[in-house]
PDB file of N, CA and C in Angstrom:
ATOM      1  N   UNK A   1      71.737 115.352  77.335  1.00  0.00           N
ATOM      2  CA  UNK A   1      72.534 115.536  77.794  1.00  0.00           C
ATOM      3  C   UNK A   1      73.718 115.717  77.634  1.00  0.00           C
ATOM      4  N   UNK A   2      74.374 116.579  78.445  1.00  0.00           N
ATOM      5  CA  UNK A   2      75.719 117.066  78.251  1.00  0.00           C
ATOM      6  C   UNK A   2      77.097 116.560  78.903  1.00  0.00           C
ATOM      7  N   UNK A   3      78.192 116.235  77.894  1.00  0.00           N
ATOM      8  CA  UNK A   3      79.150 115.802  78.077  1.00  0.00           C
ATOM      9  C   UNK A   3      80.352 115.998  77.762  1.00  0.00           C
ATOM     10  N   UNK A   4      81.412 115.630  77.930  1.00  0.00           N
ATOM     11  CA  UNK A   4      82.377 116.078  76.990  1.00  0.00           C
ATOM     12  C   UNK A   4      82.310 115.180  75.433  1.00  0.00           C
ATOM     13  N   UNK A   5      82.868 115.827  74.802  1.00  0.00           N
ATOM     14  CA  UNK A   5      83.459 114.938  73.295  1.00  0.00           C
ATOM     15  C   UNK A   5      83.961 113.714  73.556  1.00  0.00           C
ATOM     16  N   UNK A   6      84.005 112.570  73.561  1.00  0.00           N
ATOM     17  CA  UNK A   6      84.524 111.546  73.771  1.00  0.00           C
ATOM     18  C   UNK A   6      84.580 110.808  74.651  1.00  0.00           C
ATOM     19  N   UNK A   7      83.527 111.414  75.767  1.00  0.00           N
ATOM     20  CA  UNK A   7      83.130 110.517  76.607  1.00  0.00           C
ATOM     21  C   UNK A   7      82.388 109.417  76.409  1.00  0.00           C
ATOM     22  N   UNK A   8      83.037 108.183  76.908  1.00  0.00           N
ATOM     23  CA  UNK A   8      82.462 106.251  76.696  1.00  0.00           C
ATOM     24  C   UNK A   8      81.424 106.444  78.296  1.00  0.00           C
ATOM     25  N   UNK A   9      80.377 106.097  78.232  1.00  0.00           N
ATOM     26  CA  UNK A   9      79.460 106.316  78.947  1.00  0.00           C
ATOM     27  C   UNK A   9      78.505 104.765  78.873  1.00  0.00           C
ATOM     28  N   UNK A  10      78.798 103.850  79.522  1.00  0.00           N
ATOM     29  CA  UNK A  10      77.534 102.778  79.623  1.00  0.00           C
ATOM     30  C   UNK A  10      76.178 103.060  80.030  1.00  0.00           C
ATOM     31  N   UNK A  11      75.331 102.900  78.795  1.00  0.00           N
ATOM     32  CA  UNK A  11      73.793 102.755  79.024  1.00  0.00           C
ATOM     33  C   UNK A  11      72.725 101.435  79.352  1.00  0.00           C
ATOM     34  N   UNK A  12      71.915 101.512  80.034  1.00  0.00           N
ATOM     35  CA  UNK A  12      71.262 100.237  80.076  1.00  0.00           C
ATOM     36  C   UNK A  12      70.472  99.475  78.925  1.00  0.00           C
ATOM     37  N   UNK A  13      70.827 100.307  77.888  1.00  0.00           N
ATOM     38  CA  UNK A  13      69.504 100.059  76.565  1.00  0.00           C
ATOM     39  C   UNK A  13      70.437 100.171  75.489  1.00  0.00           C
ATOM     40  N   UNK A  14      69.733  99.318  74.246  1.00  0.00           N
ATOM     41  CA  UNK A  14      70.838  98.982  73.172  1.00  0.00           C
ATOM     42  C   UNK A  14      70.636 100.190  71.980  1.00  0.00           C
ATOM     43  N   UNK A  15      70.433 101.775  72.060  1.00  0.00           N
ATOM     44  CA  UNK A  15      70.737 102.332  70.885  1.00  0.00           C
ATOM     45  C   UNK A  15      70.852 103.194  71.891  1.00  0.00           C
ATOM     46  N   UNK A  16      71.832 104.655  71.172  1.00  0.00           N
ATOM     47  CA  UNK A  16      72.455 105.447  71.840  1.00  0.00           C
ATOM     48  C   UNK A  16      71.348 106.997  71.841  1.00  0.00           C
ATOM     49  N   UNK A  17      71.524 107.787  72.823  1.00  0.00           N
ATOM     50  CA  UNK A  17      70.857 108.626  73.146  1.00  0.00           C
ATOM     51  C   UNK A  17      70.642 110.050  71.798  1.00  0.00           C
ATOM     52  N   UNK A  18      70.274 110.584  71.935  1.00  0.00           N
ATOM     53  CA  UNK A  18      70.289 111.920  70.135  1.00  0.00           C
ATOM     54  C   UNK A  18      71.412 112.389  70.479  1.00  0.00           C
ATOM     55  N   UNK A  19      72.166 112.216  69.290  1.00  0.00           N
ATOM     56  CA  UNK A  19      73.613 113.332  69.112  1.00  0.00           C
ATOM     57  C   UNK A  19      74.532 111.970  69.431  1.00  0.00           C
ATOM     58  N   UNK A  20      74.507 110.577  70.451  1.00  0.00           N
ATOM     59  CA  UNK A  20      75.465 110.037  70.628  1.00  0.00           C
ATOM     60  C   UNK A  20      75.321 108.801  69.400  1.00  0.00           C
ATOM     61  N   UNK A  21      76.857 108.428  69.535  1.00  0.00           N
ATOM     62  CA  UNK A  21      77.132 107.275  68.892  1.00  0.00           C
ATOM     63  C   UNK A  21      77.583 106.054  69.414  1.00  0.00           C
ATOM     64  N   UNK A  22      77.495 104.995  69.163  1.00  0.00           N
ATOM     65  CA  UNK A  22      77.613 103.928  69.759  1.00  0.00           C
ATOM     66  C   UNK A  22      79.127 103.179  69.745  1.00  0.00           C
ATOM     67  N   UNK A  23      79.599 102.561  70.515  1.00  0.00           N
ATOM     68  CA  UNK A  23      81.345 102.012  70.397  1.00  0.00           C
ATOM     69  C   UNK A  23      81.138 100.767  70.213  1.00  0.00           C
ATOM     70  N   UNK A  24      81.234 100.836  68.529  1.00  0.00           N
ATOM     71  CA  UNK A  24      81.127  99.470  68.238  1.00  0.00           C
ATOM     72  C   UNK A  24      82.256  98.831  67.258  1.00  0.00           C
ATOM     73  N   UNK A  25      84.081  99.729  67.426  1.00  0.00           N
ATOM     74  CA  UNK A  25      84.905  99.287  67.029  1.00  0.00           C
ATOM     75  C   UNK A  25      84.877 100.091  64.842  1.00  0.00           C
ATOM     76  N   UNK A  26      83.843 100.379  64.730  1.00  0.00           N
ATOM     77  CA  UNK A  26      83.617 101.068  63.473  1.00  0.00           C
ATOM     78  C   UNK A  26      84.544 102.323  62.983  1.00  0.00           C
ATOM     79  N   UNK A  27      84.601 102.757  62.007  1.00  0.00           N
ATOM     80  CA  UNK A  27      84.999 103.533  61.779  1.00  0.00           C
ATOM     81  C   UNK A  27      84.181 104.838  61.508  1.00  0.00           C
ATOM     82  N   UNK A  28      84.893 105.870  61.710  1.00  0.00           N
ATOM     83  CA  UNK A  28      84.224 107.312  61.582  1.00  0.00           C
ATOM     84  C   UNK A  28      84.638 108.057  60.777  1.00  0.00           C
ATOM     85  N   UNK A  29      84.355 108.620  59.791  1.00  0.00           N
ATOM     86  CA  UNK A  29      84.375 109.470  59.002  1.00  0.00           C
ATOM     87  C   UNK A  29      85.029 111.000  59.678  1.00  0.00           C
ATOM     88  N   UNK A  30      86.035 111.409  59.591  1.00  0.00           N
ATOM     89  CA  UNK A  30      86.489 112.583  60.165  1.00  0.00           C
ATOM     90  C   UNK A  30      85.644 114.012  59.563  1.00  0.00           C
ATOM     91  N   UNK A  31      85.163 114.227  58.171  1.00  0.00           N
ATOM     92  CA  UNK A  31      84.708 115.355  57.781  1.00  0.00           C
ATOM     93  C   UNK A  31      83.838 114.706  58.476  1.00  0.00           C
ATOM     94  N   UNK A  32      82.609 114.236  59.013  1.00  0.00           N
ATOM     95  CA  UNK A  32      81.604 113.871  60.087  1.00  0.00           C
ATOM     96  C   UNK A  32      81.356 114.561  61.222  1.00  0.00           C
ATOM     97  N   UNK A  33      82.881 113.645  61.604  1.00  0.00           N
ATOM     98  CA  UNK A  33      83.248 113.835  63.279  1.00  0.00           C
ATOM     99  C   UNK A  33      84.567 114.611  63.631  1.00  0.00           C
ATOM    100  N   UNK A  34      84.719 115.912  63.083  1.00  0.00           N
ATOM    101  CA  UNK A  34      85.670 116.877  62.910  1.00  0.00           C
ATOM    102  C   UNK A  34      85.656 117.405  64.268  1.00  0.00           C
ATOM    103  N   UNK A  35      84.852 117.176  65.288  1.00  0.00           N
ATOM    104  CA  UNK A  35      85.301 117.671  67.063  1.00  0.00           C
ATOM    105  C   UNK A  35      85.458 116.586  67.620  1.00  0.00           C
ATOM    106  N   UNK A  36      85.109 115.330  67.382  1.00  0.00           N
ATOM    107  CA  UNK A  36      85.811 114.088  68.158  1.00  0.00           C
ATOM    108  C   UNK A  36      87.253 114.097  67.382  1.00  0.00           C
ATOM    109  N   UNK A  37      87.566 114.430  66.103  1.00  0.00           N
ATOM    110  CA  UNK A  37      88.917 113.960  65.612  1.00  0.00           C
ATOM    111  C   UNK A  37      89.676 114.923  65.820  1.00  0.00           C
ATOM    112  N   UNK A  38      89.473 116.186  66.414  1.00  0.00           N
ATOM    113  CA  UNK A  38      89.879 117.150  66.862  1.00  0.00           C
ATOM    114  C   UNK A  38      90.730 116.770  68.273  1.00  0.00           C
ATOM    115  N   UNK A  39      90.165 115.963  69.256  1.00  0.00           N
ATOM    116  CA  UNK A  39      89.798 115.820  70.856  1.00  0.00           C
ATOM    117  C   UNK A  39      90.897 114.052  70.552  1.00  0.00           C
ATOM    118  N   UNK A  40      90.758 113.421  69.577  1.00  0.00           N
ATOM    119  CA  UNK A  40      91.101 112.253  69.749  1.00  0.00           C
ATOM    120  C   UNK A  40      92.550 112.037  68.816  1.00  0.00           C
ATOM    121  N   UNK A  41      91.997 112.300  67.471  1.00  0.00           N
ATOM    122  CA  UNK A  41      92.857 112.309  66.284  1.00  0.00           C
ATOM    123  C   UNK A  41      93.166 110.490  66.177  1.00  0.00           C
ATOM    124  N   UNK A  42      94.112 110.330  65.620  1.00  0.00           N
ATOM    125  CA  UNK A  42      94.521 108.746  65.463  1.00  0.00           C
ATOM    126  C   UNK A  42      94.820 107.992  66.913  1.00  0.00           C
ATOM    127  N   UNK A  43      94.822 108.215  67.745  1.00  0.00           N
ATOM    128  CA  UNK A  43      95.428 107.515  68.957  1.00  0.00           C
ATOM    129  C   UNK A  43      94.435 106.468  69.109  1.00  0.00           C
ATOM    130  N   UNK A  44      93.323 105.981  68.218  1.00  0.00           N
ATOM    131  CA  UNK A  44      92.708 104.498  68.933  1.00  0.00           C
ATOM    132  C   UNK A  44      93.242 104.027  67.030  1.00  0.00           C
ATOM    133  N   UNK A  45      93.842 104.601  66.721  1.00  0.00           N
ATOM    134  CA  UNK A  45      93.503 103.983  64.852  1.00  0.00           C
ATOM    135  C   UNK A  45      93.683 104.770  63.866  1.00  0.00           C
ATOM    136  N   UNK A  46      93.263 104.338  62.927  1.00  0.00           N
ATOM    137  CA  UNK A  46      92.897 105.442  61.688  1.00  0.00           C
ATOM    138  C   UNK A  46      93.721 105.776  60.956  1.00  0.00           C
ATOM    139  N   UNK A  47      93.378 106.678  59.902  1.00  0.00           N
ATOM    140  CA  UNK A  47      94.206 107.547  59.018  1.00  0.00           C
ATOM    141  C   UNK A  47      94.257 108.645  58.876  1.00  0.00           C
ATOM    142  N   UNK A  48      95.029 109.737  59.365  1.00  0.00           N
ATOM    143  CA  UNK A  48      95.088 111.237  59.228  1.00  0.00           C
ATOM    144  C   UNK A  48      94.066 111.274  57.688  1.00  0.00           C
ATOM    145  N   UNK A  49      93.627 112.257  58.128  1.00  0.00           N
ATOM    146  CA  UNK A  49      92.371 112.652  56.603  1.00  0.00           C
ATOM    147  C   UNK A  49      93.278 113.252  55.277  1.00  0.00           C
TER     148      UNK A  49
END
Protein backbone atom coordinates (compact mmCIF):
# COMPACT_ATOMS: atom_id res chain seq x y z
CA UNK A 1 0.00 0.00 0.00
CA UNK A 2 1.46 3.34 -1.02
CA UNK A 3 0.89 6.40 1.15
CA UNK A 4 2.67 9.57 2.17
CA UNK A 5 5.13 9.26 5.05
CA UNK A 6 3.36 10.19 8.28
CA UNK A 7 -0.11 9.23 7.04
CA UNK A 8 -2.45 7.91 9.74
CA UNK A 9 -5.07 5.45 8.50
CA UNK A 10 -7.48 3.37 10.62
CA UNK A 11 -7.49 -0.35 9.83
CA UNK A 12 -10.04 -2.96 10.87
CA UNK A 13 -7.46 -5.34 12.32
CA UNK A 14 -5.03 -5.26 15.25
CA UNK A 15 -1.70 -5.31 13.41
CA UNK A 16 -0.08 -2.87 10.99
CA UNK A 17 0.52 -3.72 7.33
CA UNK A 18 4.11 -4.51 6.31
CA UNK A 19 6.38 -1.44 6.64
CA UNK A 20 3.79 0.47 8.72
CA UNK A 21 3.91 1.30 12.45
CA UNK A 22 1.04 1.42 14.91
CA UNK A 23 0.16 4.79 16.43
CA UNK A 24 0.27 3.96 20.14
CA UNK A 25 1.91 7.06 21.56
CA UNK A 26 5.28 5.36 21.64
CA UNK A 27 8.61 7.10 21.14
CA UNK A 28 10.39 6.14 17.92
CA UNK A 29 14.14 6.30 17.36
CA UNK A 30 15.05 9.09 14.94
CA UNK A 31 17.96 7.02 13.63
CA UNK A 32 15.52 4.29 12.57
CA UNK A 33 12.83 6.68 11.26
CA UNK A 34 14.76 9.48 9.55
CA UNK A 35 12.23 10.02 6.75
CA UNK A 36 9.36 10.37 9.23
CA UNK A 37 11.41 12.76 11.38
CA UNK A 38 12.19 14.85 8.28
CA UNK A 39 8.43 15.28 7.74
CA UNK A 40 7.10 15.89 11.28
CA UNK A 41 10.20 16.68 13.35
CA UNK A 42 9.30 17.35 17.00
CA UNK A 43 5.82 18.64 16.20
CA UNK A 44 4.13 15.96 18.33
CA UNK A 45 6.74 15.97 21.10
CA UNK A 46 10.12 14.42 21.64
CA UNK A 47 13.55 15.94 21.67
CA UNK A 48 15.86 16.78 18.79
CA UNK A 49 18.38 14.05 17.92
